[in-house]
C-alpha cells in the first residue's frame, strides 16, 4: 500500500502511476495506488480519518453550543439590568416630583460629580 501520511491517508503530491496489479484511487487531494490485498486497510484508514474529522466537527459544534448558552445567559442578565434601570429611573422621577412639590433644593444630588464619574466609567 503506497501511503505516506502519518494517519495512513494519502498525502498531497503528484499522482503516481499504479504499478502492475495495483488499483488506483483518485481522491480529492491525491491519487494513490494499492495492491488489491490492501484495499480493506485503505478503507479502514479512510474511515478512521472520517471519524477523526467527525469528532473534530462535533467538538466545534459543542463549543458553539456552549458559547450560545453563555450568550443567552448574558442576554438574560442584560434584560434584568435594563429592567432594574427602568425601575430606578421611574423611582428618580417619582422622588423628583415629591421633592420639587415640597419646595426643597436638590441641586447637590443632581450635580454630584462622583455619581456621574461612576455612571460613565468604562467597563
N, C-alpha and C. Protein backbone atom coordinates (compact mmCIF):
# COMPACT_ATOMS: atom_id res chain seq x y z
N UNK A 1 0.86 -1.17 0.00
CA UNK A 1 0.00 0.00 0.00
C UNK A 1 0.90 1.23 0.00
N UNK A 2 0.67 2.16 -0.88
CA UNK A 2 1.52 3.34 -1.05
C UNK A 2 0.91 4.53 -0.31
N UNK A 3 1.04 4.53 1.03
CA UNK A 3 0.50 5.63 1.84
C UNK A 3 1.66 6.32 2.52
N UNK A 4 1.63 7.65 2.53
CA UNK A 4 2.78 8.38 3.04
C UNK A 4 2.51 9.22 4.27
N UNK A 5 1.25 9.55 4.58
CA UNK A 5 0.98 10.43 5.71
C UNK A 5 0.92 9.62 7.00
N UNK A 6 1.17 10.26 8.16
CA UNK A 6 1.15 9.56 9.44
C UNK A 6 -0.20 8.93 9.75
N UNK A 7 -1.29 9.53 9.28
CA UNK A 7 -2.62 9.00 9.58
C UNK A 7 -2.97 7.82 8.70
N UNK A 8 -2.11 7.47 7.76
CA UNK A 8 -2.40 6.37 6.86
C UNK A 8 -3.21 6.80 5.66
N UNK A 9 -3.40 8.10 5.49
CA UNK A 9 -4.16 8.63 4.37
C UNK A 9 -3.22 9.14 3.30
N UNK A 10 -3.73 9.27 2.10
CA UNK A 10 -2.87 9.75 1.02
C UNK A 10 -2.35 11.15 1.32
N UNK A 11 -1.09 11.35 1.02
CA UNK A 11 -0.52 12.68 1.22
C UNK A 11 -0.66 13.48 -0.06
N UNK A 12 -0.55 14.80 0.06
CA UNK A 12 -0.64 15.67 -1.12
C UNK A 12 0.58 15.41 -2.00
N UNK A 13 0.41 15.59 -3.26
CA UNK A 13 1.54 15.44 -4.16
C UNK A 13 1.06 15.06 -5.54
N UNK A 14 2.02 14.82 -6.41
CA UNK A 14 1.65 14.48 -7.79
C UNK A 14 1.16 13.04 -7.84
N UNK A 15 0.18 12.77 -8.71
CA UNK A 15 -0.34 11.41 -8.81
C UNK A 15 0.75 10.45 -9.29
N UNK A 16 0.76 9.26 -8.70
CA UNK A 16 1.73 8.25 -9.11
C UNK A 16 1.03 7.26 -10.03
N UNK A 17 1.77 6.75 -10.99
CA UNK A 17 1.21 5.74 -11.88
C UNK A 17 1.14 4.42 -11.11
N UNK A 18 0.01 3.74 -11.22
CA UNK A 18 -0.09 2.48 -10.48
C UNK A 18 0.86 1.43 -11.04
N UNK A 19 1.45 0.68 -10.14
CA UNK A 19 2.29 -0.44 -10.55
C UNK A 19 1.37 -1.54 -11.08
N UNK A 20 1.91 -2.44 -11.85
CA UNK A 20 1.07 -3.53 -12.35
C UNK A 20 0.44 -4.29 -11.18
N UNK A 21 -0.83 -4.60 -11.31
CA UNK A 21 -1.53 -5.35 -10.26
C UNK A 21 -2.05 -4.48 -9.14
N UNK A 22 -1.95 -3.16 -9.25
CA UNK A 22 -2.45 -2.28 -8.20
C UNK A 22 -3.71 -1.56 -8.67
N UNK A 23 -4.48 -1.10 -7.71
CA UNK A 23 -5.71 -0.36 -8.00
C UNK A 23 -5.44 1.11 -7.68
N UNK A 24 -5.84 1.99 -8.57
CA UNK A 24 -5.62 3.43 -8.39
C UNK A 24 -6.89 4.08 -7.85
N UNK A 25 -6.74 4.95 -6.84
CA UNK A 25 -7.86 5.66 -6.23
C UNK A 25 -7.64 7.16 -6.38
N UNK A 26 -8.43 7.84 -7.23
CA UNK A 26 -8.28 9.30 -7.37
C UNK A 26 -9.09 10.02 -6.29
N UNK A 27 -8.44 10.35 -5.19
CA UNK A 27 -9.11 11.05 -4.09
C UNK A 27 -9.10 12.55 -4.33
N UNK A 28 -9.77 13.26 -3.44
CA UNK A 28 -9.89 14.71 -3.53
C UNK A 28 -8.52 15.39 -3.53
N UNK A 29 -7.61 14.92 -2.68
CA UNK A 29 -6.33 15.61 -2.53
C UNK A 29 -5.17 14.90 -3.23
N UNK A 30 -5.35 13.65 -3.59
CA UNK A 30 -4.25 12.92 -4.22
C UNK A 30 -4.79 11.64 -4.85
N UNK A 31 -3.98 11.04 -5.69
CA UNK A 31 -4.31 9.74 -6.26
C UNK A 31 -3.30 8.75 -5.71
N UNK A 32 -3.79 7.64 -5.17
CA UNK A 32 -2.88 6.63 -4.65
C UNK A 32 -3.20 5.29 -5.29
N UNK A 33 -2.23 4.42 -5.22
CA UNK A 33 -2.39 3.07 -5.77
C UNK A 33 -2.08 2.07 -4.68
N UNK A 34 -2.91 1.03 -4.60
CA UNK A 34 -2.70 -0.01 -3.60
C UNK A 34 -2.89 -1.37 -4.25
N UNK A 35 -2.28 -2.35 -3.63
CA UNK A 35 -2.49 -3.73 -4.08
C UNK A 35 -3.90 -4.14 -3.67
N UNK A 36 -4.52 -5.00 -4.43
CA UNK A 36 -5.87 -5.45 -4.09
C UNK A 36 -5.97 -6.01 -2.67
N UNK A 37 -4.90 -6.58 -2.17
CA UNK A 37 -4.93 -7.14 -0.81
C UNK A 37 -4.94 -6.05 0.26
N UNK A 38 -4.60 -4.82 -0.10
CA UNK A 38 -4.55 -3.72 0.87
C UNK A 38 -5.78 -2.82 0.83
N UNK A 39 -6.76 -3.17 0.02
CA UNK A 39 -7.95 -2.33 -0.13
C UNK A 39 -8.68 -2.16 1.20
N UNK A 40 -8.80 -3.26 1.97
CA UNK A 40 -9.50 -3.16 3.25
C UNK A 40 -8.77 -2.24 4.22
N UNK A 41 -7.44 -2.32 4.23
CA UNK A 41 -6.67 -1.41 5.10
C UNK A 41 -6.85 0.04 4.66
N UNK A 42 -6.91 0.26 3.36
CA UNK A 42 -7.14 1.62 2.86
C UNK A 42 -8.50 2.13 3.33
N UNK A 43 -9.53 1.32 3.17
CA UNK A 43 -10.86 1.73 3.62
C UNK A 43 -10.88 1.99 5.12
N UNK A 44 -10.17 1.13 5.88
CA UNK A 44 -10.10 1.33 7.32
C UNK A 44 -9.42 2.66 7.66
N UNK A 45 -8.33 2.96 6.99
CA UNK A 45 -7.62 4.23 7.23
C UNK A 45 -8.51 5.42 6.87
N UNK A 46 -9.21 5.32 5.75
CA UNK A 46 -10.10 6.42 5.33
C UNK A 46 -11.26 6.58 6.31
N UNK A 47 -11.82 5.47 6.76
CA UNK A 47 -12.92 5.53 7.72
C UNK A 47 -12.43 6.12 9.05
N UNK A 48 -11.25 5.73 9.47
CA UNK A 48 -10.67 6.27 10.70
C UNK A 48 -10.48 7.78 10.59
N UNK A 49 -9.98 8.21 9.44
CA UNK A 49 -9.80 9.65 9.22
C UNK A 49 -11.16 10.37 9.22
N UNK A 50 -12.16 9.73 8.63
CA UNK A 50 -13.50 10.31 8.62
C UNK A 50 -14.02 10.47 10.05
N UNK A 51 -13.80 9.46 10.90
CA UNK A 51 -14.23 9.55 12.30
C UNK A 51 -13.51 10.69 13.02
N UNK A 52 -12.23 10.84 12.72
CA UNK A 52 -11.45 11.93 13.32
C UNK A 52 -12.03 13.29 12.92
N UNK A 53 -12.38 13.44 11.65
CA UNK A 53 -12.97 14.69 11.17
C UNK A 53 -14.34 14.93 11.81
N UNK A 54 -15.11 13.86 11.94
CA UNK A 54 -16.43 13.98 12.56
C UNK A 54 -16.30 14.38 14.02
N UNK A 55 -15.34 13.79 14.73
CA UNK A 55 -15.11 14.14 16.13
C UNK A 55 -14.74 15.61 16.25
N UNK A 56 -13.86 16.08 15.36
CA UNK A 56 -13.46 17.49 15.38
C UNK A 56 -14.66 18.40 15.13
N UNK A 57 -15.48 18.04 14.14
CA UNK A 57 -16.68 18.82 13.83
C UNK A 57 -17.63 18.85 15.03
N UNK A 58 -17.84 17.69 15.67
CA UNK A 58 -18.74 17.63 16.82
C UNK A 58 -18.20 18.43 18.01
N UNK A 59 -16.89 18.41 18.20
CA UNK A 59 -16.29 19.20 19.29
C UNK A 59 -16.50 20.69 19.04
N UNK A 60 -16.35 21.12 17.80
CA UNK A 60 -16.58 22.53 17.47
C UNK A 60 -18.05 22.88 17.64
N UNK A 61 -18.94 21.99 17.21
CA UNK A 61 -20.38 22.24 17.38
C UNK A 61 -20.74 22.36 18.85
N UNK A 62 -20.13 21.53 19.70
CA UNK A 62 -20.41 21.60 21.14
C UNK A 62 -19.88 22.91 21.71
N UNK A 63 -18.74 23.35 21.26
CA UNK A 63 -18.19 24.63 21.73
C UNK A 63 -19.10 25.78 21.32
N UNK A 64 -19.60 25.75 20.09
CA UNK A 64 -20.55 26.77 19.64
C UNK A 64 -21.80 26.74 20.52
N UNK A 65 -22.28 25.55 20.84
CA UNK A 65 -23.46 25.40 21.70
C UNK A 65 -23.20 26.02 23.07
N UNK A 66 -22.02 25.75 23.64
CA UNK A 66 -21.67 26.32 24.94
C UNK A 66 -21.62 27.84 24.89
N UNK A 67 -21.02 28.38 23.83
CA UNK A 67 -20.93 29.83 23.68
C UNK A 67 -22.33 30.44 23.55
N UNK A 68 -23.21 29.76 22.81
CA UNK A 68 -24.58 30.26 22.66
C UNK A 68 -25.32 30.26 23.99
N UNK A 69 -25.09 29.23 24.82
CA UNK A 69 -25.71 29.20 26.14
C UNK A 69 -25.19 30.34 27.01
N UNK A 70 -23.88 30.59 26.94
CA UNK A 70 -23.30 31.70 27.70
C UNK A 70 -23.86 33.03 27.21
N UNK A 71 -24.00 33.16 25.91
CA UNK A 71 -24.56 34.38 25.33
C UNK A 71 -25.99 34.59 25.80
N UNK A 72 -26.78 33.52 25.83
CA UNK A 72 -28.16 33.62 26.31
C UNK A 72 -28.19 34.06 27.77
N UNK A 73 -27.27 33.51 28.56
CA UNK A 73 -27.18 33.92 29.97
C UNK A 73 -26.86 35.42 30.08
N UNK A 74 -25.93 35.89 29.26
CA UNK A 74 -25.59 37.31 29.27
C UNK A 74 -26.76 38.17 28.80
N UNK A 75 -27.51 37.70 27.80
CA UNK A 75 -28.69 38.44 27.34
C UNK A 75 -29.72 38.55 28.46
N UNK A 76 -29.93 37.45 29.18
CA UNK A 76 -30.87 37.48 30.30
C UNK A 76 -30.40 38.46 31.37
N UNK A 77 -29.11 38.44 31.68
CA UNK A 77 -28.57 39.37 32.67
C UNK A 77 -28.74 40.81 32.21
N UNK A 78 -28.53 41.06 30.90
CA UNK A 78 -28.71 42.40 30.35
C UNK A 78 -30.17 42.83 30.46
N UNK A 79 -31.10 41.93 30.16
CA UNK A 79 -32.52 42.26 30.27
C UNK A 79 -32.90 42.59 31.71
N UNK A 80 -32.37 41.83 32.66
CA UNK A 80 -32.63 42.11 34.07
C UNK A 80 -32.06 43.47 34.47
N UNK A 81 -30.84 43.77 34.01
CA UNK A 81 -30.22 45.06 34.32
C UNK A 81 -31.02 46.21 33.71
N UNK A 82 -31.54 46.03 32.49
CA UNK A 82 -32.35 47.08 31.87
C UNK A 82 -33.65 47.29 32.63
N UNK A 83 -34.26 46.20 33.11
CA UNK A 83 -35.49 46.33 33.90
C UNK A 83 -35.21 47.07 35.21
N UNK A 84 -34.08 46.76 35.86
CA UNK A 84 -33.70 47.46 37.09
C UNK A 84 -33.47 48.94 36.80
N UNK A 85 -32.79 49.23 35.69
CA UNK A 85 -32.51 50.61 35.32
C UNK A 85 -33.80 51.38 35.08
N UNK A 86 -34.73 50.77 34.38
CA UNK A 86 -36.01 51.42 34.13
C UNK A 86 -36.73 51.71 35.44
N UNK A 87 -36.71 50.75 36.36
CA UNK A 87 -37.33 50.96 37.67
C UNK A 87 -36.65 52.07 38.45
N UNK A 88 -35.31 52.09 38.40
CA UNK A 88 -34.56 53.13 39.12
C UNK A 88 -34.88 54.51 38.55
N UNK A 89 -34.99 54.62 37.23
CA UNK A 89 -35.31 55.91 36.62
C UNK A 89 -36.73 56.35 36.97
N UNK A 90 -37.66 55.40 37.03
CA UNK A 90 -39.02 55.74 37.45
C UNK A 90 -39.02 56.23 38.89
N UNK A 91 -38.23 55.57 39.75
CA UNK A 91 -38.14 55.99 41.16
C UNK A 91 -37.54 57.39 41.27
N UNK A 92 -36.55 57.70 40.42
CA UNK A 92 -35.96 59.05 40.43
C UNK A 92 -37.02 60.06 40.04
N UNK A 93 -37.79 59.76 39.01
CA UNK A 93 -38.85 60.68 38.59
C UNK A 93 -39.86 60.91 39.69
N UNK A 94 -40.25 59.84 40.37
CA UNK A 94 -41.20 59.97 41.49
C UNK A 94 -40.60 60.82 42.60
N UNK A 95 -39.34 60.54 42.96
CA UNK A 95 -38.69 61.29 44.03
C UNK A 95 -38.56 62.76 43.66
N UNK A 96 -38.17 63.06 42.42
CA UNK A 96 -38.07 64.46 41.99
C UNK A 96 -39.41 65.17 42.12
N UNK A 97 -40.44 64.49 41.68
CA UNK A 97 -41.77 65.09 41.74
C UNK A 97 -42.13 65.43 43.19
N UNK A 98 -41.89 64.49 44.11
CA UNK A 98 -42.22 64.73 45.52
C UNK A 98 -41.35 65.84 46.08
N UNK A 99 -40.04 65.80 45.79
CA UNK A 99 -39.12 66.81 46.34
C UNK A 99 -39.47 68.19 45.81
N UNK A 100 -39.66 68.32 44.50
CA UNK A 100 -39.96 69.63 43.92
C UNK A 100 -41.32 70.15 44.39
N UNK A 101 -42.25 69.24 44.61
CA UNK A 101 -43.57 69.70 45.07
C UNK A 101 -43.53 70.22 46.49
N UNK A 102 -42.51 69.82 47.28
CA UNK A 102 -42.37 70.34 48.65
C UNK A 102 -41.51 71.59 48.69
N UNK A 103 -40.88 71.96 47.57
CA UNK A 103 -40.07 73.17 47.52
C UNK A 103 -38.65 72.99 48.01
N UNK A 104 -38.17 71.76 48.17
CA UNK A 104 -36.80 71.52 48.64
C UNK A 104 -35.80 71.69 47.49
N UNK A 105 -34.53 72.01 47.85
CA UNK A 105 -33.47 72.19 46.87
C UNK A 105 -32.69 70.87 46.74
N UNK A 106 -32.54 70.38 45.54
CA UNK A 106 -31.83 69.12 45.31
C UNK A 106 -30.66 69.30 44.36
N UNK A 107 -30.10 70.49 44.29
CA UNK A 107 -29.04 70.76 43.32
C UNK A 107 -27.80 69.90 43.56
N UNK A 108 -27.45 69.62 44.81
CA UNK A 108 -26.27 68.80 45.09
C UNK A 108 -26.45 67.39 44.52
N UNK A 109 -27.60 66.83 44.71
CA UNK A 109 -27.87 65.48 44.23
C UNK A 109 -27.83 65.43 42.71
N UNK A 110 -28.35 66.45 42.07
CA UNK A 110 -28.44 66.46 40.61
C UNK A 110 -27.07 66.69 39.95
N UNK A 111 -26.11 67.29 40.66
CA UNK A 111 -24.83 67.63 40.05
C UNK A 111 -23.64 66.92 40.69
N UNK A 112 -23.86 65.85 41.42
CA UNK A 112 -22.78 65.13 42.11
C UNK A 112 -21.82 64.53 41.07
N UNK A 113 -20.56 64.99 41.10
CA UNK A 113 -19.58 64.51 40.12
C UNK A 113 -19.16 63.06 40.38
N UNK A 114 -19.15 62.65 41.62
CA UNK A 114 -18.79 61.26 41.93
C UNK A 114 -19.78 60.30 41.29
N UNK A 115 -21.08 60.60 41.43
CA UNK A 115 -22.10 59.74 40.81
C UNK A 115 -21.94 59.72 39.30
N UNK A 116 -21.67 60.87 38.71
CA UNK A 116 -21.52 60.93 37.26
C UNK A 116 -20.27 60.17 36.81
N UNK A 117 -19.18 60.26 37.59
CA UNK A 117 -17.96 59.53 37.25
C UNK A 117 -18.19 58.02 37.28
N UNK A 118 -18.92 57.56 38.29
CA UNK A 118 -19.21 56.13 38.40
C UNK A 118 -20.15 55.70 37.28
N UNK A 119 -21.14 56.51 36.98
CA UNK A 119 -22.12 56.17 35.95
C UNK A 119 -21.47 56.05 34.58
N UNK A 120 -20.57 56.94 34.26
CA UNK A 120 -19.97 56.96 32.93
C UNK A 120 -18.61 56.28 32.87
N UNK A 121 -18.24 55.58 33.93
CA UNK A 121 -16.95 54.88 33.93
C UNK A 121 -16.97 53.78 32.87
N UNK A 122 -15.83 53.56 32.26
CA UNK A 122 -15.75 52.50 31.25
C UNK A 122 -15.70 51.15 31.94
N UNK A 123 -16.42 50.23 31.39
CA UNK A 123 -16.47 48.89 31.98
C UNK A 123 -15.57 47.96 31.23
